[in-house]
């Protein structure tokens, strides 16, 4: 009996030592996230009336029939138009200090710090937006929170998002829809935030020729078509990593 107890005790100790680095890493990540969030919602400095330029990242969405496209945020995933007013579920008429509502955007000079180029997967599945903020705009350490937003330009990554998931940097040649089931977390939010929309919109990602053929049953969009759908300029974004010549 004592030997069994000692064996179990030793096993528990080994498991604890093995998982300790993971727990410490998780604690550090949570602390960093809390610090970043404090920079956004804890220290408003001023309110700006004149339109200002800023940058942000977003996701592209395409309608089930492939005829319409729009943008959505990275957190809750609510869809918004190229020119839009922020909507708050709590009923705020303008961005308030005690609420998280409004359009968030970064100062251009802090973009490389917040969205590090090493975060390749995020860079491949999101687009970069140049935006103009107006109305009631709160200023923060990292950027702004605005009442109104107008998207001036959409920059699409040149890396195929599907290839990037496997560590490859194959050049993208267009955009293809990803089935909504792969983004189940935000489906209810996406359906609720579009007037009259009941079907979830798929995520639109840059893709190479090989993966476009593999998704032939899903909507596929060229950059020129996307510009017409959105009603703003759409360009290829400079890749954050060197890319080999395409062989496909």
C-alpha atoms as a PDB file:
ATOM      1  CA  UNK A   1       0.000   0.000   0.000  1.00  0.00           C
ATOM      2  CA  UNK A   2       2.697   2.563   0.877  1.00  0.00           C
ATOM      3  CA  UNK A   3       4.452   1.762  -2.429  1.00  0.00           C
ATOM      4  CA  UNK A   4       1.219   2.464  -4.333  1.00  0.00           C
ATOM      5  CA  UNK A   5       0.787   5.786  -2.522  1.00  0.00           C
ATOM      6  CA  UNK A   6       4.387   6.755  -3.283  1.00  0.00           C
ATOM      7  CA  UNK A   7       3.927   5.828  -6.936  1.00  0.00           C
ATOM      8  CA  UNK A   8       0.790   7.943  -7.244  1.00  0.00           C
ATOM      9  CA  UNK A   9       2.462  10.835  -5.435  1.00  0.00           C
ATOM     10  CA  UNK A  10       5.484  10.643  -7.738  1.00  0.00           C
ATOM     11  CA  UNK A  11       3.200  10.571 -10.784  1.00  0.00           C
ATOM     12  CA  UNK A  12       1.337  13.673  -9.601  1.00  0.00           C
ATOM     13  CA  UNK A  13       4.631  15.478  -9.050  1.00  0.00           C
ATOM     14  CA  UNK A  14       5.849  14.580 -12.555  1.00  0.00           C
ATOM     15  CA  UNK A  15       2.598  15.736 -14.147  1.00  0.00           C
ATOM     16  CA  UNK A  16       2.793  18.997 -12.213  1.00  0.00           C
ATOM     17  CA  UNK A  17       6.375  19.630 -13.317  1.00  0.00           C
ATOM     18  CA  UNK A  18       5.489  18.829 -16.933  1.00  0.00           C
ATOM     19  CA  UNK A  19       2.517  21.208 -17.031  1.00  0.00           C
ATOM     20  CA  UNK A  20       4.118  24.045 -15.051  1.00  0.00           C
ATOM     21  CA  UNK A  21       5.722  25.705 -18.133  1.00  0.00           C
ATOM     22  CA  UNK A  22       2.364  25.613 -19.925  1.00  0.00           C
ATOM     23  CA  UNK A  23       0.594  27.185 -16.966  1.00  0.00           C
ATOM     24  CA  UNK A  24       3.243  29.898 -16.671  1.00  0.00           C
ATOM     25  CA  UNK A  25       3.009  30.638 -20.394  1.00  0.00           C
ATOM     26  CA  UNK A  26      -0.783  30.905 -20.129  1.00  0.00           C
ATOM     27  CA  UNK A  27      -0.482  33.272 -17.166  1.00  0.00           C
ATOM     28  CA  UNK A  28       1.948  35.504 -19.072  1.00  0.00           C
ATOM     29  CA  UNK A  29      -0.371  35.589 -22.119  1.00  0.00           C
ATOM     30  CA  UNK A  30      -3.359  36.545 -19.985  1.00  0.00           C
ATOM     31  CA  UNK A  31      -1.364  39.284 -18.275  1.00  0.00           C
ATOM     32  CA  UNK A  32      -0.203  40.730 -21.598  1.00  0.00           C
ATOM     33  CA  UNK A  33      -3.770  40.638 -22.937  1.00  0.00           C
ATOM     34  CA  UNK A  34      -5.007  42.471 -19.855  1.00  0.00           C
ATOM     35  CA  UNK A  35      -2.330  45.151 -20.264  1.00  0.00           C
ATOM     36  CA  UNK A  36      -3.220  45.654 -23.944  1.00  0.00           C
ATOM     37  CA  UNK A  37      -6.908  45.878 -23.113  1.00  0.00           C
ATOM     38  CA  UNK A  38      -6.182  48.484 -20.433  1.00  0.00           C
ATOM     39  CA  UNK A  39      -4.421  50.579 -23.043  1.00  0.00           C
ATOM     40  CA  UNK A  40      -7.610  50.545 -25.100  1.00  0.00           C
ATOM     41  CA  UNK A  41     -10.418  51.067 -22.614  1.00  0.00           C
ATOM     42  CA  UNK A  42      -8.784  52.534 -19.519  1.00  0.00           C
ATOM     43  CA  UNK A  43      -7.068  55.755 -20.497  1.00  0.00           C
ATOM     44  CA  UNK A  44      -9.087  57.978 -22.878  1.00  0.00           C
ATOM     45  CA  UNK A  45      -7.255  61.252 -23.454  1.00  0.00           C
ATOM     46  CA  UNK A  46      -9.352  63.402 -25.740  1.00  0.00           C
ATOM     47  CA  UNK A  47     -12.262  63.651 -28.121  1.00  0.00           C
ATOM     48  CA  UNK A  48     -11.565  64.515 -31.762  1.00  0.00           C
ATOM     49  CA  UNK A  49     -14.078  66.178 -34.054  1.00  0.00           C
ATOM     50  CA  UNK A  50     -12.134  66.390 -37.358  1.00  0.00           C
ATOM     51  CA  UNK A  51     -11.788  63.254 -39.547  1.00  0.00           C
ATOM     52  CA  UNK A  52      -8.550  61.377 -38.909  1.00  0.00           C
ATOM     53  CA  UNK A  53      -6.686  58.614 -40.737  1.00  0.00           C
ATOM     54  CA  UNK A  54      -5.955  55.273 -39.038  1.00  0.00           C
ATOM     55  CA  UNK A  55      -5.330  51.608 -39.840  1.00  0.00           C
ATOM     56  CA  UNK A  56      -6.826  48.316 -38.687  1.00  0.00           C
ATOM     57  CA  UNK A  57      -7.240  44.682 -39.664  1.00  0.00           C
ATOM     58  CA  UNK A  58     -10.538  42.989 -40.481  1.00  0.00           C
ATOM     59  CA  UNK A  59     -11.994  39.899 -42.100  1.00  0.00           C
ATOM     60  CA  UNK A  60     -13.710  39.709 -45.473  1.00  0.00           C
ATOM     61  CA  UNK A  61     -17.164  38.120 -45.700  1.00  0.00           C
ATOM     62  CA  UNK A  62     -19.074  36.971 -48.764  1.00  0.00           C
ATOM     63  CA  UNK A  63     -22.804  36.321 -49.063  1.00  0.00           C
ATOM     64  CA  UNK A  64     -24.097  32.773 -49.664  1.00  0.00           C
ATOM     65  CA  UNK A  65     -24.803  33.567 -53.328  1.00  0.00           C
ATOM     66  CA  UNK A  66     -21.337  35.108 -53.818  1.00  0.00           C
ATOM     67  CA  UNK A  67     -22.741  38.417 -55.099  1.00  0.00           C
ATOM     68  CA  UNK A  68     -22.071  40.645 -52.094  1.00  0.00           C
ATOM     69  CA  UNK A  69     -19.108  41.205 -49.800  1.00  0.00           C
ATOM     70  CA  UNK A  70     -18.577  43.100 -46.594  1.00  0.00           C
ATOM     71  CA  UNK A  71     -16.176  43.437 -43.653  1.00  0.00           C
ATOM     72  CA  UNK A  72     -16.242  42.184 -40.080  1.00  0.00           C
ATOM     73  CA  UNK A  73     -14.292  42.745 -36.881  1.00  0.00           C
ATOM     74  CA  UNK A  74     -11.699  40.376 -35.444  1.00  0.00           C
ATOM     75  CA  UNK A  75     -13.293  39.982 -32.011  1.00  0.00           C
ATOM     76  CA  UNK A  76     -17.088  39.686 -32.041  1.00  0.00           C
ATOM     77  CA  UNK A  77     -17.230  39.415 -35.809  1.00  0.00           C
ATOM     78  CA  UNK A  78     -20.044  41.920 -36.410  1.00  0.00           C
ATOM     79  CA  UNK A  79     -20.325  42.914 -40.076  1.00  0.00           C
ATOM     80  CA  UNK A  80     -20.091  46.526 -41.218  1.00  0.00           C
ATOM     81  CA  UNK A  81     -20.150  48.436 -44.508  1.00  0.00           C
ATOM     82  CA  UNK A  82     -17.403  50.526 -46.068  1.00  0.00           C
ATOM     83  CA  UNK A  83     -19.208  53.609 -44.747  1.00  0.00           C
ATOM     84  CA  UNK A  84     -20.975  52.891 -41.493  1.00  0.00           C
ATOM     85  CA  UNK A  85     -22.010  54.168 -38.076  1.00  0.00           C
ATOM     86  CA  UNK A  86     -21.164  52.179 -34.977  1.00  0.00           C
ATOM     87  CA  UNK A  87     -24.077  50.422 -33.286  1.00  0.00           C
ATOM     88  CA  UNK A  88     -24.140  49.589 -29.590  1.00  0.00           C
ATOM     89  CA  UNK A  89     -26.362  46.828 -28.111  1.00  0.00           C
ATOM     90  CA  UNK A  90     -26.559  48.893 -24.920  1.00  0.00           C
ATOM     91  CA  UNK A  91     -28.013  51.843 -26.813  1.00  0.00           C
ATOM     92  CA  UNK A  92     -25.045  54.246 -26.697  1.00  0.00           C
ATOM     93  CA  UNK A  93     -25.472  57.061 -29.239  1.00  0.00           C
ATOM     94  CA  UNK A  94     -21.705  57.655 -29.302  1.00  0.00           C
ATOM     95  CA  UNK A  95     -18.581  55.859 -27.986  1.00  0.00           C
ATOM     96  CA  UNK A  96     -18.720  56.060 -24.184  1.00  0.00           C
ATOM     97  CA  UNK A  97     -15.990  55.696 -21.572  1.00  0.00           C
ATOM     98  CA  UNK A  98     -17.939  52.992 -19.755  1.00  0.00           C
ATOM     99  CA  UNK A  99     -18.631  50.888 -22.854  1.00  0.00           C
ATOM    100  CA  UNK A 100     -16.633  49.063 -25.541  1.00  0.00           C
ATOM    101  CA  UNK A 101     -18.737  50.275 -28.498  1.00  0.00           C
ATOM    102  CA  UNK A 102     -17.376  52.100 -31.538  1.00  0.00           C
ATOM    103  CA  UNK A 103     -14.998  51.422 -34.422  1.00  0.00           C
ATOM    104  CA  UNK A 104     -11.485  50.638 -33.196  1.00  0.00           C
ATOM    105  CA  UNK A 105      -8.439  51.600 -35.246  1.00  0.00           C
ATOM    106  CA  UNK A 106      -4.709  52.032 -34.686  1.00  0.00           C
ATOM    107  CA  UNK A 107      -2.297  54.884 -35.113  1.00  0.00           C
ATOM    108  CA  UNK A 108      -0.176  53.993 -38.172  1.00  0.00           C
ATOM    109  CA  UNK A 109       3.045  54.252 -36.168  1.00  0.00           C
ATOM    110  CA  UNK A 110       2.031  51.474 -33.732  1.00  0.00           C
ATOM    111  CA  UNK A 111       0.681  49.044 -36.333  1.00  0.00           C
ATOM    112  CA  UNK A 112       3.889  47.004 -36.619  1.00  0.00           C
ATOM    113  CA  UNK A 113       4.032  46.677 -32.826  1.00  0.00           C
ATOM    114  CA  UNK A 114       0.455  45.476 -32.379  1.00  0.00           C
ATOM    115  CA  UNK A 115       0.305  43.241 -35.465  1.00  0.00           C
ATOM    116  CA  UNK A 116       3.759  41.686 -35.498  1.00  0.00           C
ATOM    117  CA  UNK A 117       4.891  40.320 -38.857  1.00  0.00           C
ATOM    118  CA  UNK A 118       5.751  37.026 -37.119  1.00  0.00           C
ATOM    119  CA  UNK A 119       2.030  36.388 -36.656  1.00  0.00           C
ATOM    120  CA  UNK A 120       1.840  34.964 -40.165  1.00  0.00           C
ATOM    121  CA  UNK A 121      -1.461  33.144 -39.766  1.00  0.00           C
ATOM    122  CA  UNK A 122      -3.308  36.285 -38.695  1.00  0.00           C
ATOM    123  CA  UNK A 123      -1.735  38.265 -41.507  1.00  0.00           C
ATOM    124  CA  UNK A 124      -2.848  35.650 -44.065  1.00  0.00           C
ATOM    125  CA  UNK A 125      -6.485  35.443 -42.938  1.00  0.00           C
ATOM    126  CA  UNK A 126      -7.159  39.150 -42.388  1.00  0.00           C
ATOM    127  CA  UNK A 127      -6.986  42.270 -44.542  1.00  0.00           C
ATOM    128  CA  UNK A 128      -5.446  45.645 -43.749  1.00  0.00           C
ATOM    129  CA  UNK A 129      -7.746  48.659 -43.857  1.00  0.00           C
ATOM    130  CA  UNK A 130      -6.897  52.325 -44.281  1.00  0.00           C
ATOM    131  CA  UNK A 131      -9.802  54.126 -42.645  1.00  0.00           C
ATOM    132  CA  UNK A 132     -11.079  57.615 -41.952  1.00  0.00           C
ATOM    133  CA  UNK A 133     -12.739  58.152 -38.568  1.00  0.00           C
ATOM    134  CA  UNK A 134     -15.216  60.912 -37.819  1.00  0.00           C
ATOM    135  CA  UNK A 135     -18.042  61.961 -35.519  1.00  0.00           C
ATOM    136  CA  UNK A 136     -17.242  61.412 -31.863  1.00  0.00           C
ATOM    137  CA  UNK A 137     -13.725  59.927 -31.706  1.00  0.00           C
ATOM    138  CA  UNK A 138     -11.990  58.995 -28.455  1.00  0.00           C
ATOM    139  CA  UNK A 139      -8.193  59.002 -28.493  1.00  0.00           C
ATOM    140  CA  UNK A 140      -6.153  56.330 -26.702  1.00  0.00           C
ATOM    141  CA  UNK A 141      -2.539  55.297 -26.301  1.00  0.00           C
ATOM    142  CA  UNK A 142      -2.641  52.874 -29.231  1.00  0.00           C
ATOM    143  CA  UNK A 143      -5.300  54.444 -31.396  1.00  0.00           C
ATOM    144  CA  UNK A 144      -8.921  55.525 -31.548  1.00  0.00           C
ATOM    145  CA  UNK A 145     -12.541  54.493 -30.965  1.00  0.00           C
ATOM    146  CA  UNK A 146     -14.929  56.232 -33.323  1.00  0.00           C
ATOM    147  CA  UNK A 147     -18.601  56.825 -33.976  1.00  0.00           C
ATOM    148  CA  UNK A 148     -18.287  56.688 -37.771  1.00  0.00           C
ATOM    149  CA  UNK A 149     -15.864  54.968 -40.112  1.00  0.00           C
ATOM    150  CA  UNK A 150     -15.134  55.092 -43.837  1.00  0.00           C
ATOM    151  CA  UNK A 151     -12.831  52.484 -45.404  1.00  0.00           C
ATOM    152  CA  UNK A 152     -10.530  54.140 -47.915  1.00  0.00           C
ATOM    153  CA  UNK A 153      -8.577  51.075 -49.017  1.00  0.00           C
ATOM    154  CA  UNK A 154      -8.532  47.305 -48.457  1.00  0.00           C
ATOM    155  CA  UNK A 155      -5.157  45.518 -48.749  1.00  0.00           C
ATOM    156  CA  UNK A 156      -5.363  41.739 -49.255  1.00  0.00           C
ATOM    157  CA  UNK A 157      -2.380  39.556 -48.192  1.00  0.00           C
ATOM    158  CA  UNK A 158      -0.450  37.911 -51.014  1.00  0.00           C
ATOM    159  CA  UNK A 159      -0.047  34.661 -49.059  1.00  0.00           C
ATOM    160  CA  UNK A 160      -2.535  31.809 -49.535  1.00  0.00           C
ATOM    161  CA  UNK A 161      -4.266  31.377 -46.165  1.00  0.00           C
ATOM    162  CA  UNK A 162      -4.732  27.617 -46.643  1.00  0.00           C
ATOM    163  CA  UNK A 163      -1.031  27.135 -47.404  1.00  0.00           C
ATOM    164  CA  UNK A 164      -0.065  29.323 -44.449  1.00  0.00           C
ATOM    165  CA  UNK A 165      -1.842  26.897 -42.114  1.00  0.00           C
ATOM    166  CA  UNK A 166       0.809  24.343 -43.058  1.00  0.00           C
ATOM    167  CA  UNK A 167       3.745  26.759 -42.851  1.00  0.00           C
ATOM    168  CA  UNK A 168       3.925  27.378 -46.616  1.00  0.00           C
ATOM    169  CA  UNK A 169       4.083  30.814 -48.248  1.00  0.00           C
ATOM    170  CA  UNK A 170       2.523  30.085 -51.629  1.00  0.00           C
ATOM    171  CA  UNK A 171       1.393  33.218 -53.422  1.00  0.00           C
ATOM    172  CA  UNK A 172      -2.332  33.908 -53.569  1.00  0.00           C
ATOM    173  CA  UNK A 173      -3.987  34.576 -56.922  1.00  0.00           C
ATOM    174  CA  UNK A 174      -7.509  35.432 -55.775  1.00  0.00           C
ATOM    175  CA  UNK A 175      -9.988  34.938 -52.962  1.00  0.00           C
ATOM    176  CA  UNK A 176     -12.191  31.977 -52.070  1.00  0.00           C
ATOM    177  CA  UNK A 177     -14.876  31.419 -49.454  1.00  0.00           C
ATOM    178  CA  UNK A 178     -14.322  29.237 -46.407  1.00  0.00           C
ATOM    179  CA  UNK A 179     -17.449  27.326 -45.285  1.00  0.00           C
ATOM    180  CA  UNK A 180     -19.132  29.065 -42.314  1.00  0.00           C
ATOM    181  CA  UNK A 181     -18.944  25.844 -40.278  1.00  0.00           C
ATOM    182  CA  UNK A 182     -15.240  26.543 -39.770  1.00  0.00           C
ATOM    183  CA  UNK A 183     -16.153  29.781 -38.024  1.00  0.00           C
ATOM    184  CA  UNK A 184     -19.019  28.436 -35.899  1.00  0.00           C
ATOM    185  CA  UNK A 185     -18.186  30.725 -32.969  1.00  0.00           C
ATOM    186  CA  UNK A 186     -19.236  33.863 -34.821  1.00  0.00           C
ATOM    187  CA  UNK A 187     -22.125  32.515 -36.919  1.00  0.00           C
ATOM    188  CA  UNK A 188     -24.864  33.739 -34.582  1.00  0.00           C
ATOM    189  CA  UNK A 189     -23.260  37.176 -34.339  1.00  0.00           C
ATOM    190  CA  UNK A 190     -22.812  37.452 -38.103  1.00  0.00           C
ATOM    191  CA  UNK A 191     -26.422  36.527 -38.796  1.00  0.00           C
ATOM    192  CA  UNK A 192     -27.754  38.924 -36.189  1.00  0.00           C
ATOM    193  CA  UNK A 193     -25.804  41.997 -37.284  1.00  0.00           C
ATOM    194  CA  UNK A 194     -26.927  42.139 -40.907  1.00  0.00           C
ATOM    195  CA  UNK A 195     -30.406  43.620 -41.495  1.00  0.00           C
ATOM    196  CA  UNK A 196     -32.623  40.939 -43.020  1.00  0.00           C
ATOM    197  CA  UNK A 197     -29.750  38.436 -43.173  1.00  0.00           C
ATOM    198  CA  UNK A 198     -30.573  34.934 -41.990  1.00  0.00           C
ATOM    199  CA  UNK A 199     -27.888  32.783 -43.598  1.00  0.00           C
ATOM    200  CA  UNK A 200     -24.346  33.084 -42.209  1.00  0.00           C
ATOM    201  CA  UNK A 201     -21.857  34.686 -44.548  1.00  0.00           C
ATOM    202  CA  UNK A 202     -18.667  32.756 -45.326  1.00  0.00           C
ATOM    203  CA  UNK A 203     -15.196  34.112 -44.631  1.00  0.00           C
ATOM    204  CA  UNK A 204     -13.327  35.202 -47.756  1.00  0.00           C
ATOM    205  CA  UNK A 205      -9.597  34.391 -47.734  1.00  0.00           C
ATOM    206  CA  UNK A 206      -6.707  34.838 -50.185  1.00  0.00           C
ATOM    207  CA  UNK A 207      -5.945  31.544 -51.905  1.00  0.00           C
ATOM    208  CA  UNK A 208      -3.661  30.015 -54.512  1.00  0.00           C
ATOM    209  CA  UNK A 209      -4.836  28.343 -57.725  1.00  0.00           C
ATOM    210  CA  UNK A 210      -4.637  24.857 -56.200  1.00  0.00           C
ATOM    211  CA  UNK A 211      -6.894  25.660 -53.256  1.00  0.00           C
ATOM    212  CA  UNK A 212      -9.270  27.674 -55.434  1.00  0.00           C
ATOM    213  CA  UNK A 213      -9.832  24.565 -57.548  1.00  0.00           C
ATOM    214  CA  UNK A 214     -10.326  22.517 -54.380  1.00  0.00           C
ATOM    215  CA  UNK A 215     -13.082  24.944 -53.315  1.00  0.00           C
ATOM    216  CA  UNK A 216     -14.813  25.114 -56.676  1.00  0.00           C
ATOM    217  CA  UNK A 217     -18.196  24.643 -54.990  1.00  0.00           C
ATOM    218  CA  UNK A 218     -17.660  27.772 -52.847  1.00  0.00           C
ATOM    219  CA  UNK A 219     -17.816  31.406 -54.082  1.00  0.00           C
ATOM    220  CA  UNK A 220     -14.571  32.695 -55.614  1.00  0.00           C
ATOM    221  CA  UNK A 221     -13.812  36.403 -56.070  1.00  0.00           C
ATOM    222  CA  UNK A 222     -11.214  38.417 -57.978  1.00  0.00           C
ATOM    223  CA  UNK A 223      -9.807  41.636 -56.504  1.00  0.00           C
ATOM    224  CA  UNK A 224     -11.498  43.765 -59.164  1.00  0.00           C
ATOM    225  CA  UNK A 225     -14.851  42.141 -58.394  1.00  0.00           C
ATOM    226  CA  UNK A 226     -14.296  42.631 -54.659  1.00  0.00           C
ATOM    227  CA  UNK A 227     -13.652  46.347 -55.200  1.00  0.00           C
ATOM    228  CA  UNK A 228     -16.984  46.637 -56.980  1.00  0.00           C
ATOM    229  CA  UNK A 229     -18.818  44.737 -54.238  1.00  0.00           C
ATOM    230  CA  UNK A 230     -17.337  46.800 -51.428  1.00  0.00           C
ATOM    231  CA  UNK A 231     -17.312  50.148 -53.198  1.00  0.00           C
ATOM    232  CA  UNK A 232     -13.729  51.046 -52.307  1.00  0.00           C
ATOM    233  CA  UNK A 233     -10.150  50.470 -53.504  1.00  0.00           C
ATOM    234  CA  UNK A 234      -8.809  46.909 -53.140  1.00  0.00           C
ATOM    235  CA  UNK A 235      -5.112  46.089 -53.646  1.00  0.00           C
ATOM    236  CA  UNK A 236      -2.621  43.342 -52.837  1.00  0.00           C
ATOM    237  CA  UNK A 237      -0.800  43.935 -49.568  1.00  0.00           C
ATOM    238  CA  UNK A 238       2.972  43.607 -49.438  1.00  0.00           C
ATOM    239  CA  UNK A 239       3.807  40.208 -47.958  1.00  0.00           C
ATOM    240  CA  UNK A 240       5.386  40.219 -44.473  1.00  0.00           C
ATOM    241  CA  UNK A 241       7.765  37.361 -45.462  1.00  0.00           C
ATOM    242  CA  UNK A 242       9.791  36.623 -48.618  1.00  0.00           C
ATOM    243  CA  UNK A 243       7.890  34.368 -50.994  1.00  0.00           C
ATOM    244  CA  UNK A 244       9.365  31.816 -53.413  1.00  0.00           C
ATOM    245  CA  UNK A 245       8.320  31.989 -57.062  1.00  0.00           C
ATOM    246  CA  UNK A 246       5.043  30.199 -57.722  1.00  0.00           C
ATOM    247  CA  UNK A 247       5.404  26.734 -59.244  1.00  0.00           C
ATOM    248  CA  UNK A 248       1.714  25.847 -59.480  1.00  0.00           C
END
